């Protein structure tokens, strides 16, 4: 759910597996943020 965390975690990443789950803020909003950041980083 944190944009800064995502930028750091995705630095240099080529492939992503999303197993994160939790309340809707994680499962839904967090997934959208992760996918958006992965797209921006060129995954």
ModelCIF file with pLDDT and N, C-alpha, C, O atoms, coordinates in Angstrom:
data_MODEL
#
_entry.id   MODEL 
#
_entity.id                         1 
_entity.type                       polymer 
_entity.pdbx_number_of_molecules   1 
#
_entity_poly.entity_id                      1 
_entity_poly.type                           'polypeptide(L)' 
_entity_poly.nstd_linkage                   no 
_entity_poly.nstd_monomer                   no 
_entity_poly.pdbx_seq_one_letter_code       
;(UNK)(UNK)(UNK)(UNK)(UNK)(UNK)(UNK)(UNK)(UNK)(UNK)(UNK)(UNK)(UNK)(UNK)(UNK)(UNK)
(UNK)(UNK)(UNK)(UNK)(UNK)(UNK)(UNK)(UNK)(UNK)(UNK)(UNK)(UNK)(UNK)(UNK)(UNK)(UNK)
(UNK)(UNK)(UNK)(UNK)(UNK)(UNK)(UNK)(UNK)(UNK)(UNK)(UNK)
;
_entity_poly.pdbx_seq_one_letter_code_can   XXXXXXXXXXXXXXXXXXXXXXXXXXXXXXXXXXXXXXXXXXX 
_entity_poly.pdbx_strand_id                 A 
#
loop_
_entity_poly_seq.entity_id 
_entity_poly_seq.num 
_entity_poly_seq.mon_id 
_entity_poly_seq.hetero 
1 1  UNK n 
1 2  UNK n 
1 3  UNK n 
1 4  UNK n 
1 5  UNK n 
1 6  UNK n 
1 7  UNK n 
1 8  UNK n 
1 9  UNK n 
1 10 UNK n 
1 11 UNK n 
1 12 UNK n 
1 13 UNK n 
1 14 UNK n 
1 15 UNK n 
1 16 UNK n 
1 17 UNK n 
1 18 UNK n 
1 19 UNK n 
1 20 UNK n 
1 21 UNK n 
1 22 UNK n 
1 23 UNK n 
1 24 UNK n 
1 25 UNK n 
1 26 UNK n 
1 27 UNK n 
1 28 UNK n 
1 29 UNK n 
1 30 UNK n 
1 31 UNK n 
1 32 UNK n 
1 33 UNK n 
1 34 UNK n 
1 35 UNK n 
1 36 UNK n 
1 37 UNK n 
1 38 UNK n 
1 39 UNK n 
1 40 UNK n 
1 41 UNK n 
1 42 UNK n 
1 43 UNK n 
#
_struct_asym.id          A 
_struct_asym.entity_id   1 
#
loop_
_ma_qa_metric.id 
_ma_qa_metric.mode 
_ma_qa_metric.name 
_ma_qa_metric.software_group_id 
_ma_qa_metric.type 
1 global pLDDT . pLDDT 
2 local  pLDDT . pLDDT 
#
_ma_qa_metric_global.metric_id      1 
_ma_qa_metric_global.metric_value   96.77 
_ma_qa_metric_global.model_id       1 
_ma_qa_metric_global.ordinal_id     1 
#
loop_
_ma_qa_metric_local.label_asym_id 
_ma_qa_metric_local.label_comp_id 
_ma_qa_metric_local.label_seq_id 
_ma_qa_metric_local.metric_id 
_ma_qa_metric_local.metric_value 
_ma_qa_metric_local.model_id 
_ma_qa_metric_local.ordinal_id 
A UNK 1  2 97.00 1 1  
A UNK 2  2 97.00 1 2  
A UNK 3  2 96.00 1 3  
A UNK 4  2 97.00 1 4  
A UNK 5  2 97.00 1 5  
A UNK 6  2 98.00 1 6  
A UNK 7  2 97.00 1 7  
A UNK 8  2 97.00 1 8  
A UNK 9  2 98.00 1 9  
A UNK 10 2 98.00 1 10 
A UNK 11 2 97.00 1 11 
A UNK 12 2 97.00 1 12 
A UNK 13 2 98.00 1 13 
A UNK 14 2 98.00 1 14 
A UNK 15 2 98.00 1 15 
A UNK 16 2 98.00 1 16 
A UNK 17 2 98.00 1 17 
A UNK 18 2 98.00 1 18 
A UNK 19 2 98.00 1 19 
A UNK 20 2 95.00 1 20 
A UNK 21 2 92.00 1 21 
A UNK 22 2 92.00 1 22 
A UNK 23 2 92.00 1 23 
A UNK 24 2 93.00 1 24 
A UNK 25 2 93.00 1 25 
A UNK 26 2 95.00 1 26 
A UNK 27 2 96.00 1 27 
A UNK 28 2 97.00 1 28 
A UNK 29 2 97.00 1 29 
A UNK 30 2 97.00 1 30 
A UNK 31 2 98.00 1 31 
A UNK 32 2 98.00 1 32 
A UNK 33 2 98.00 1 33 
A UNK 34 2 98.00 1 34 
A UNK 35 2 98.00 1 35 
A UNK 36 2 98.00 1 36 
A UNK 37 2 98.00 1 37 
A UNK 38 2 98.00 1 38 
A UNK 39 2 98.00 1 39 
A UNK 40 2 97.00 1 40 
A UNK 41 2 97.00 1 41 
A UNK 42 2 97.00 1 42 
A UNK 43 2 97.00 1 43 
#
loop_
_atom_site.group_PDB 
_atom_site.id 
_atom_site.type_symbol 
_atom_site.label_atom_id 
_atom_site.label_alt_id 
_atom_site.label_comp_id 
_atom_site.label_asym_id 
_atom_site.label_entity_id 
_atom_site.label_seq_id 
_atom_site.pdbx_PDB_ins_code 
_atom_site.Cartn_x 
_atom_site.Cartn_y 
_atom_site.Cartn_z 
_atom_site.occupancy 
_atom_site.B_iso_or_equiv 
_atom_site.pdbx_formal_charge 
_atom_site.auth_seq_id 
_atom_site.auth_comp_id 
_atom_site.auth_asym_id 
_atom_site.auth_atom_id 
_atom_site.pdbx_PDB_model_num 
ATOM 1   N N  . UNK A 1 1  ? 0.827  -1.219  0.000   1.00 97.00 ? 1  UNK A N  1 
ATOM 2   C CA . UNK A 1 1  ? 0.000  0.000   0.000   1.00 97.00 ? 1  UNK A CA 1 
ATOM 3   C C  . UNK A 1 1  ? 0.853  1.258   0.000   1.00 97.00 ? 1  UNK A C  1 
ATOM 4   O O  . UNK A 1 1  ? 0.333  2.369   -0.100  1.00 97.00 ? 1  UNK A O  1 
ATOM 5   N N  . UNK A 1 2  ? 2.181  1.079   0.114   1.00 97.00 ? 2  UNK A N  1 
ATOM 6   C CA . UNK A 1 2  ? 3.095  2.210   0.257   1.00 97.00 ? 2  UNK A CA 1 
ATOM 7   C C  . UNK A 1 2  ? 3.913  2.388   -1.022  1.00 97.00 ? 2  UNK A C  1 
ATOM 8   O O  . UNK A 1 2  ? 4.659  1.491   -1.414  1.00 97.00 ? 2  UNK A O  1 
ATOM 9   N N  . UNK A 1 3  ? 3.775  3.534   -1.663  1.00 96.00 ? 3  UNK A N  1 
ATOM 10  C CA . UNK A 1 3  ? 4.454  3.773   -2.942  1.00 96.00 ? 3  UNK A CA 1 
ATOM 11  C C  . UNK A 1 3  ? 5.971  3.727   -2.811  1.00 96.00 ? 3  UNK A C  1 
ATOM 12  O O  . UNK A 1 3  ? 6.659  3.199   -3.685  1.00 96.00 ? 3  UNK A O  1 
ATOM 13  N N  . UNK A 1 4  ? 6.492  4.283   -1.716  1.00 97.00 ? 4  UNK A N  1 
ATOM 14  C CA . UNK A 1 4  ? 7.940  4.268   -1.529  1.00 97.00 ? 4  UNK A CA 1 
ATOM 15  C C  . UNK A 1 4  ? 8.478  2.866   -1.361  1.00 97.00 ? 4  UNK A C  1 
ATOM 16  O O  . UNK A 1 4  ? 9.499  2.516   -1.952  1.00 97.00 ? 4  UNK A O  1 
ATOM 17  N N  . UNK A 1 5  ? 7.798  2.056   -0.556  1.00 97.00 ? 5  UNK A N  1 
ATOM 18  C CA . UNK A 1 5  ? 8.193  0.651   -0.389  1.00 97.00 ? 5  UNK A CA 1 
ATOM 19  C C  . UNK A 1 5  ? 8.210  -0.065  -1.732  1.00 97.00 ? 5  UNK A C  1 
ATOM 20  O O  . UNK A 1 5  ? 9.132  -0.826  -2.027  1.00 97.00 ? 5  UNK A O  1 
ATOM 21  N N  . UNK A 1 6  ? 7.196  0.179   -2.537  1.00 98.00 ? 6  UNK A N  1 
ATOM 22  C CA . UNK A 1 6  ? 7.099  -0.504  -3.819  1.00 98.00 ? 6  UNK A CA 1 
ATOM 23  C C  . UNK A 1 6  ? 8.228  -0.108  -4.764  1.00 98.00 ? 6  UNK A C  1 
ATOM 24  O O  . UNK A 1 6  ? 8.780  -0.963  -5.457  1.00 98.00 ? 6  UNK A O  1 
ATOM 25  N N  . UNK A 1 7  ? 8.575  1.167   -4.802  1.00 97.00 ? 7  UNK A N  1 
ATOM 26  C CA . UNK A 1 7  ? 9.676  1.602   -5.676  1.00 97.00 ? 7  UNK A CA 1 
ATOM 27  C C  . UNK A 1 7  ? 10.976 0.906   -5.281  1.00 97.00 ? 7  UNK A C  1 
ATOM 28  O O  . UNK A 1 7  ? 11.723 0.438   -6.140  1.00 97.00 ? 7  UNK A O  1 
ATOM 29  N N  . UNK A 1 8  ? 11.238 0.841   -3.979  1.00 97.00 ? 8  UNK A N  1 
ATOM 30  C CA . UNK A 1 8  ? 12.473 0.183   -3.524  1.00 97.00 ? 8  UNK A CA 1 
ATOM 31  C C  . UNK A 1 8  ? 12.449 -1.316  -3.806  1.00 97.00 ? 8  UNK A C  1 
ATOM 32  O O  . UNK A 1 8  ? 13.442 -1.886  -4.257  1.00 97.00 ? 8  UNK A O  1 
ATOM 33  N N  . UNK A 1 9  ? 11.314 -1.945  -3.538  1.00 98.00 ? 9  UNK A N  1 
ATOM 34  C CA . UNK A 1 9  ? 11.237 -3.398  -3.705  1.00 98.00 ? 9  UNK A CA 1 
ATOM 35  C C  . UNK A 1 9  ? 11.325 -3.813  -5.168  1.00 98.00 ? 9  UNK A C  1 
ATOM 36  O O  . UNK A 1 9  ? 11.842 -4.887  -5.475  1.00 98.00 ? 9  UNK A O  1 
ATOM 37  N N  . UNK A 1 10 ? 10.829 -2.979  -6.070  1.00 98.00 ? 10 UNK A N  1 
ATOM 38  C CA . UNK A 1 10 ? 10.781 -3.326  -7.490  1.00 98.00 ? 10 UNK A CA 1 
ATOM 39  C C  . UNK A 1 10 ? 12.027 -2.905  -8.258  1.00 98.00 ? 10 UNK A C  1 
ATOM 40  O O  . UNK A 1 10 ? 12.148 -3.209  -9.445  1.00 98.00 ? 10 UNK A O  1 
ATOM 41  N N  . UNK A 1 11 ? 12.929 -2.230  -7.621  1.00 97.00 ? 11 UNK A N  1 
ATOM 42  C CA . UNK A 1 11 ? 14.143 -1.771  -8.305  1.00 97.00 ? 11 UNK A CA 1 
ATOM 43  C C  . UNK A 1 11 ? 14.927 -2.965  -8.847  1.00 97.00 ? 11 UNK A C  1 
ATOM 44  O O  . UNK A 1 11 ? 15.393 -3.805  -8.077  1.00 97.00 ? 11 UNK A O  1 
ATOM 45  N N  . UNK A 1 12 ? 15.072 -3.039  -10.155 1.00 97.00 ? 12 UNK A N  1 
ATOM 46  C CA . UNK A 1 12 ? 15.822 -4.113  -10.796 1.00 97.00 ? 12 UNK A CA 1 
ATOM 47  C C  . UNK A 1 12 ? 15.047 -5.410  -10.954 1.00 97.00 ? 12 UNK A C  1 
ATOM 48  O O  . UNK A 1 12 ? 15.610 -6.401  -11.419 1.00 97.00 ? 12 UNK A O  1 
ATOM 49  N N  . UNK A 1 13 ? 13.778 -5.435  -10.582 1.00 98.00 ? 13 UNK A N  1 
ATOM 50  C CA . UNK A 1 13 ? 12.978 -6.663  -10.648 1.00 98.00 ? 13 UNK A CA 1 
ATOM 51  C C  . UNK A 1 13 ? 12.467 -6.879  -12.076 1.00 98.00 ? 13 UNK A C  1 
ATOM 52  O O  . UNK A 1 13 ? 12.013 -5.941  -12.731 1.00 98.00 ? 13 UNK A O  1 
ATOM 53  N N  . UNK A 1 14 ? 12.547 -8.117  -12.542 1.00 98.00 ? 14 UNK A N  1 
ATOM 54  C CA . UNK A 1 14 ? 12.022 -8.456  -13.870 1.00 98.00 ? 14 UNK A CA 1 
ATOM 55  C C  . UNK A 1 14 ? 10.677 -9.177  -13.793 1.00 98.00 ? 14 UNK A C  1 
ATOM 56  O O  . UNK A 1 14 ? 9.855  -9.049  -14.700 1.00 98.00 ? 14 UNK A O  1 
ATOM 57  N N  . UNK A 1 15 ? 10.444 -9.942  -12.707 1.00 98.00 ? 15 UNK A N  1 
ATOM 58  C CA . UNK A 1 15 ? 9.232  -10.743 -12.577 1.00 98.00 ? 15 UNK A CA 1 
ATOM 59  C C  . UNK A 1 15 ? 8.683  -10.610 -11.154 1.00 98.00 ? 15 UNK A C  1 
ATOM 60  O O  . UNK A 1 15 ? 9.446  -10.484 -10.196 1.00 98.00 ? 15 UNK A O  1 
ATOM 61  N N  . UNK A 1 16 ? 7.371  -10.641 -11.027 1.00 98.00 ? 16 UNK A N  1 
ATOM 62  C CA . UNK A 1 16 ? 6.715  -10.445 -9.739  1.00 98.00 ? 16 UNK A CA 1 
ATOM 63  C C  . UNK A 1 16 ? 5.685  -11.552 -9.527  1.00 98.00 ? 16 UNK A C  1 
ATOM 64  O O  . UNK A 1 16 ? 4.949  -11.915 -10.445 1.00 98.00 ? 16 UNK A O  1 
ATOM 65  N N  . UNK A 1 17 ? 5.645  -12.082 -8.304  1.00 98.00 ? 17 UNK A N  1 
ATOM 66  C CA . UNK A 1 17 ? 4.582  -13.004 -7.893  1.00 98.00 ? 17 UNK A CA 1 
ATOM 67  C C  . UNK A 1 17 ? 3.860  -12.361 -6.722  1.00 98.00 ? 17 UNK A C  1 
ATOM 68  O O  . UNK A 1 17 ? 4.464  -12.103 -5.681  1.00 98.00 ? 17 UNK A O  1 
ATOM 69  N N  . UNK A 1 18 ? 2.572  -12.102 -6.888  1.00 98.00 ? 18 UNK A N  1 
ATOM 70  C CA . UNK A 1 18 ? 1.805  -11.420 -5.843  1.00 98.00 ? 18 UNK A CA 1 
ATOM 71  C C  . UNK A 1 18 ? 0.997  -12.422 -5.032  1.00 98.00 ? 18 UNK A C  1 
ATOM 72  O O  . UNK A 1 18 ? -0.033 -12.918 -5.488  1.00 98.00 ? 18 UNK A O  1 
ATOM 73  N N  . UNK A 1 19 ? 1.472  -12.715 -3.826  1.00 98.00 ? 19 UNK A N  1 
ATOM 74  C CA . UNK A 1 19 ? 0.770  -13.601 -2.900  1.00 98.00 ? 19 UNK A CA 1 
ATOM 75  C C  . UNK A 1 19 ? 0.184  -12.835 -1.723  1.00 98.00 ? 19 UNK A C  1 
ATOM 76  O O  . UNK A 1 19 ? -0.331 -13.439 -0.782  1.00 98.00 ? 19 UNK A O  1 
ATOM 77  N N  . UNK A 1 20 ? 0.259  -11.516 -1.770  1.00 95.00 ? 20 UNK A N  1 
ATOM 78  C CA . UNK A 1 20 ? -0.193 -10.715 -0.630  1.00 95.00 ? 20 UNK A CA 1 
ATOM 79  C C  . UNK A 1 20 ? -1.705 -10.804 -0.480  1.00 95.00 ? 20 UNK A C  1 
ATOM 80  O O  . UNK A 1 20 ? -2.440 -10.789 -1.467  1.00 95.00 ? 20 UNK A O  1 
ATOM 81  N N  . UNK A 1 21 ? -2.156 -10.895 0.753   1.00 92.00 ? 21 UNK A N  1 
ATOM 82  C CA . UNK A 1 21 ? -3.582 -10.937 1.052   1.00 92.00 ? 21 UNK A CA 1 
ATOM 83  C C  . UNK A 1 21 ? -3.799 -10.328 2.425   1.00 92.00 ? 21 UNK A C  1 
ATOM 84  O O  . UNK A 1 21 ? -2.915 -10.372 3.281   1.00 92.00 ? 21 UNK A O  1 
ATOM 85  N N  . UNK A 1 22 ? -4.962 -9.768  2.630   1.00 92.00 ? 22 UNK A N  1 
ATOM 86  C CA . UNK A 1 22 ? -5.276 -9.153  3.914   1.00 92.00 ? 22 UNK A CA 1 
ATOM 87  C C  . UNK A 1 22 ? -6.654 -8.542  3.845   1.00 92.00 ? 22 UNK A C  1 
ATOM 88  O O  . UNK A 1 22 ? -7.555 -9.098  3.216   1.00 92.00 ? 22 UNK A O  1 
ATOM 89  N N  . UNK A 1 23 ? -6.826 -7.398  4.489   1.00 92.00 ? 23 UNK A N  1 
ATOM 90  C CA . UNK A 1 23 ? -8.103 -6.700  4.376   1.00 92.00 ? 23 UNK A CA 1 
ATOM 91  C C  . UNK A 1 23 ? -8.170 -6.037  2.994   1.00 92.00 ? 23 UNK A C  1 
ATOM 92  O O  . UNK A 1 23 ? -7.178 -6.047  2.265   1.00 92.00 ? 23 UNK A O  1 
ATOM 93  N N  . UNK A 1 24 ? -9.328 -5.458  2.620   1.00 93.00 ? 24 UNK A N  1 
ATOM 94  C CA . UNK A 1 24 ? -9.440 -4.885  1.273   1.00 93.00 ? 24 UNK A CA 1 
ATOM 95  C C  . UNK A 1 24 ? -8.382 -3.838  0.937   1.00 93.00 ? 24 UNK A C  1 
ATOM 96  O O  . UNK A 1 24 ? -8.032 -3.674  -0.232  1.00 93.00 ? 24 UNK A O  1 
ATOM 97  N N  . UNK A 1 25 ? -7.869 -3.128  1.939   1.00 93.00 ? 25 UNK A N  1 
ATOM 98  C CA . UNK A 1 25 ? -6.838 -2.134  1.644   1.00 93.00 ? 25 UNK A CA 1 
ATOM 99  C C  . UNK A 1 25 ? -5.574 -2.791  1.103   1.00 93.00 ? 25 UNK A C  1 
ATOM 100 O O  . UNK A 1 25 ? -4.829 -2.176  0.339   1.00 93.00 ? 25 UNK A O  1 
ATOM 101 N N  . UNK A 1 26 ? -5.334 -4.030  1.495   1.00 95.00 ? 26 UNK A N  1 
ATOM 102 C CA . UNK A 1 26 ? -4.187 -4.780  0.964   1.00 95.00 ? 26 UNK A CA 1 
ATOM 103 C C  . UNK A 1 26 ? -4.566 -5.552  -0.282  1.00 95.00 ? 26 UNK A C  1 
ATOM 104 O O  . UNK A 1 26 ? -3.922 -5.414  -1.322  1.00 95.00 ? 26 UNK A O  1 
ATOM 105 N N  . UNK A 1 27 ? -5.620 -6.377  -0.183  1.00 96.00 ? 27 UNK A N  1 
ATOM 106 C CA . UNK A 1 27 ? -5.990 -7.267  -1.283  1.00 96.00 ? 27 UNK A CA 1 
ATOM 107 C C  . UNK A 1 27 ? -6.388 -6.504  -2.533  1.00 96.00 ? 27 UNK A C  1 
ATOM 108 O O  . UNK A 1 27 ? -6.045 -6.914  -3.642  1.00 96.00 ? 27 UNK A O  1 
ATOM 109 N N  . UNK A 1 28 ? -7.104 -5.407  -2.373  1.00 97.00 ? 28 UNK A N  1 
ATOM 110 C CA . UNK A 1 28 ? -7.595 -4.656  -3.533  1.00 97.00 ? 28 UNK A CA 1 
ATOM 111 C C  . UNK A 1 28 ? -6.702 -3.452  -3.824  1.00 97.00 ? 28 UNK A C  1 
ATOM 112 O O  . UNK A 1 28 ? -6.058 -3.397  -4.871  1.00 97.00 ? 28 UNK A O  1 
ATOM 113 N N  . UNK A 1 29 ? -6.660 -2.490  -2.906  1.00 97.00 ? 29 UNK A N  1 
ATOM 114 C CA . UNK A 1 29 ? -5.896 -1.270  -3.145  1.00 97.00 ? 29 UNK A CA 1 
ATOM 115 C C  . UNK A 1 29 ? -4.400 -1.564  -3.272  1.00 97.00 ? 29 UNK A C  1 
ATOM 116 O O  . UNK A 1 29 ? -3.718 -1.006  -4.132  1.00 97.00 ? 29 UNK A O  1 
ATOM 117 N N  . UNK A 1 30 ? -3.906 -2.439  -2.411  1.00 97.00 ? 30 UNK A N  1 
ATOM 118 C CA . UNK A 1 30 ? -2.494 -2.791  -2.476  1.00 97.00 ? 30 UNK A CA 1 
ATOM 119 C C  . UNK A 1 30 ? -2.132 -3.476  -3.776  1.00 97.00 ? 30 UNK A C  1 
ATOM 120 O O  . UNK A 1 30 ? -1.092 -3.189  -4.368  1.00 97.00 ? 30 UNK A O  1 
ATOM 121 N N  . UNK A 1 31 ? -2.997 -4.389  -4.224  1.00 98.00 ? 31 UNK A N  1 
ATOM 122 C CA . UNK A 1 31 ? -2.743 -5.056  -5.508  1.00 98.00 ? 31 UNK A CA 1 
ATOM 123 C C  . UNK A 1 31 ? -2.695 -4.048  -6.643  1.00 98.00 ? 31 UNK A C  1 
ATOM 124 O O  . UNK A 1 31 ? -1.816 -4.124  -7.503  1.00 98.00 ? 31 UNK A O  1 
ATOM 125 N N  . UNK A 1 32 ? -3.627 -3.108  -6.657  1.00 98.00 ? 32 UNK A N  1 
ATOM 126 C CA . UNK A 1 32 ? -3.633 -2.092  -7.721  1.00 98.00 ? 32 UNK A CA 1 
ATOM 127 C C  . UNK A 1 32 ? -2.345 -1.260  -7.690  1.00 98.00 ? 32 UNK A C  1 
ATOM 128 O O  . UNK A 1 32 ? -1.758 -0.981  -8.736  1.00 98.00 ? 32 UNK A O  1 
ATOM 129 N N  . UNK A 1 33 ? -1.917 -0.872  -6.505  1.00 98.00 ? 33 UNK A N  1 
ATOM 130 C CA . UNK A 1 33 ? -0.673 -0.108  -6.392  1.00 98.00 ? 33 UNK A CA 1 
ATOM 131 C C  . UNK A 1 33 ? 0.532  -0.934  -6.850  1.00 98.00 ? 33 UNK A C  1 
ATOM 132 O O  . UNK A 1 33 ? 1.409  -0.425  -7.548  1.00 98.00 ? 33 UNK A O  1 
ATOM 133 N N  . UNK A 1 34 ? 0.570  -2.202  -6.456  1.00 98.00 ? 34 UNK A N  1 
ATOM 134 C CA . UNK A 1 34 ? 1.669  -3.070  -6.864  1.00 98.00 ? 34 UNK A CA 1 
ATOM 135 C C  . UNK A 1 34 ? 1.724  -3.214  -8.371  1.00 98.00 ? 34 UNK A C  1 
ATOM 136 O O  . UNK A 1 34 ? 2.793  -3.090  -8.969  1.00 98.00 ? 34 UNK A O  1 
ATOM 137 N N  . UNK A 1 35 ? 0.583  -3.476  -8.990  1.00 98.00 ? 35 UNK A N  1 
ATOM 138 C CA . UNK A 1 35 ? 0.552  -3.655  -10.431 1.00 98.00 ? 35 UNK A CA 1 
ATOM 139 C C  . UNK A 1 35 ? 0.934  -2.375  -11.166 1.00 98.00 ? 35 UNK A C  1 
ATOM 140 O O  . UNK A 1 35 ? 1.652  -2.410  -12.166 1.00 98.00 ? 35 UNK A O  1 
ATOM 141 N N  . UNK A 1 36 ? 0.448  -1.253  -10.660 1.00 98.00 ? 36 UNK A N  1 
ATOM 142 C CA . UNK A 1 36 ? 0.780  0.036   -11.276 1.00 98.00 ? 36 UNK A CA 1 
ATOM 143 C C  . UNK A 1 36 ? 2.280  0.300   -11.195 1.00 98.00 ? 36 UNK A C  1 
ATOM 144 O O  . UNK A 1 36 ? 2.893  0.747   -12.164 1.00 98.00 ? 36 UNK A O  1 
ATOM 145 N N  . UNK A 1 37 ? 2.863  0.020   -10.034 1.00 98.00 ? 37 UNK A N  1 
ATOM 146 C CA . UNK A 1 37 ? 4.302  0.231   -9.858  1.00 98.00 ? 37 UNK A CA 1 
ATOM 147 C C  . UNK A 1 37 ? 5.107  -0.752  -10.705 1.00 98.00 ? 37 UNK A C  1 
ATOM 148 O O  . UNK A 1 37 ? 6.146  -0.387  -11.255 1.00 98.00 ? 37 UNK A O  1 
ATOM 149 N N  . UNK A 1 38 ? 4.638  -1.992  -10.814 1.00 98.00 ? 38 UNK A N  1 
ATOM 150 C CA . UNK A 1 38 ? 5.336  -2.982  -11.641 1.00 98.00 ? 38 UNK A CA 1 
ATOM 151 C C  . UNK A 1 38 ? 5.302  -2.571  -13.111 1.00 98.00 ? 38 UNK A C  1 
ATOM 152 O O  . UNK A 1 38 ? 6.288  -2.734  -13.830 1.00 98.00 ? 38 UNK A O  1 
ATOM 153 N N  . UNK A 1 39 ? 4.172  -2.043  -13.549 1.00 98.00 ? 39 UNK A N  1 
ATOM 154 C CA . UNK A 1 39 ? 4.064  -1.566  -14.936 1.00 98.00 ? 39 UNK A CA 1 
ATOM 155 C C  . UNK A 1 39 ? 5.029  -0.408  -15.178 1.00 98.00 ? 39 UNK A C  1 
ATOM 156 O O  . UNK A 1 39 ? 5.706  -0.361  -16.205 1.00 98.00 ? 39 UNK A O  1 
ATOM 157 N N  . UNK A 1 40 ? 5.088  0.527   -14.228 1.00 97.00 ? 40 UNK A N  1 
ATOM 158 C CA . UNK A 1 40 ? 5.973  1.686   -14.370 1.00 97.00 ? 40 UNK A CA 1 
ATOM 159 C C  . UNK A 1 40 ? 7.441  1.279   -14.369 1.00 97.00 ? 40 UNK A C  1 
ATOM 160 O O  . UNK A 1 40 ? 8.271  1.913   -15.020 1.00 97.00 ? 40 UNK A O  1 
ATOM 161 N N  . UNK A 1 41 ? 7.758  0.204   -13.625 1.00 97.00 ? 41 UNK A N  1 
ATOM 162 C CA . UNK A 1 41 ? 9.157  -0.220  -13.521 1.00 97.00 ? 41 UNK A CA 1 
ATOM 163 C C  . UNK A 1 41 ? 9.584  -1.113  -14.684 1.00 97.00 ? 41 UNK A C  1 
ATOM 164 O O  . UNK A 1 41 ? 10.762 -1.448  -14.809 1.00 97.00 ? 41 UNK A O  1 
ATOM 165 N N  . UNK A 1 42 ? 8.632  -1.500  -15.535 1.00 97.00 ? 42 UNK A N  1 
ATOM 166 C CA . UNK A 1 42 ? 8.972  -2.320  -16.696 1.00 97.00 ? 42 UNK A CA 1 
ATOM 167 C C  . UNK A 1 42 ? 9.047  -3.803  -16.422 1.00 97.00 ? 42 UNK A C  1 
ATOM 168 O O  . UNK A 1 42 ? 9.778  -4.518  -17.107 1.00 97.00 ? 42 UNK A O  1 
ATOM 169 N N  . UNK A 1 43 ? 8.315  -4.280  -15.445 1.00 97.00 ? 43 UNK A N  1 
ATOM 170 C CA . UNK A 1 43 ? 8.323  -5.720  -15.141 1.00 97.00 ? 43 UNK A CA 1 
ATOM 171 C C  . UNK A 1 43 ? 7.894  -6.520  -16.371 1.00 97.00 ? 43 UNK A C  1 
ATOM 172 O O  . UNK A 1 43 ? 7.837  -7.749  -16.320 1.00 97.00 ? 43 UNK A O  1 
#
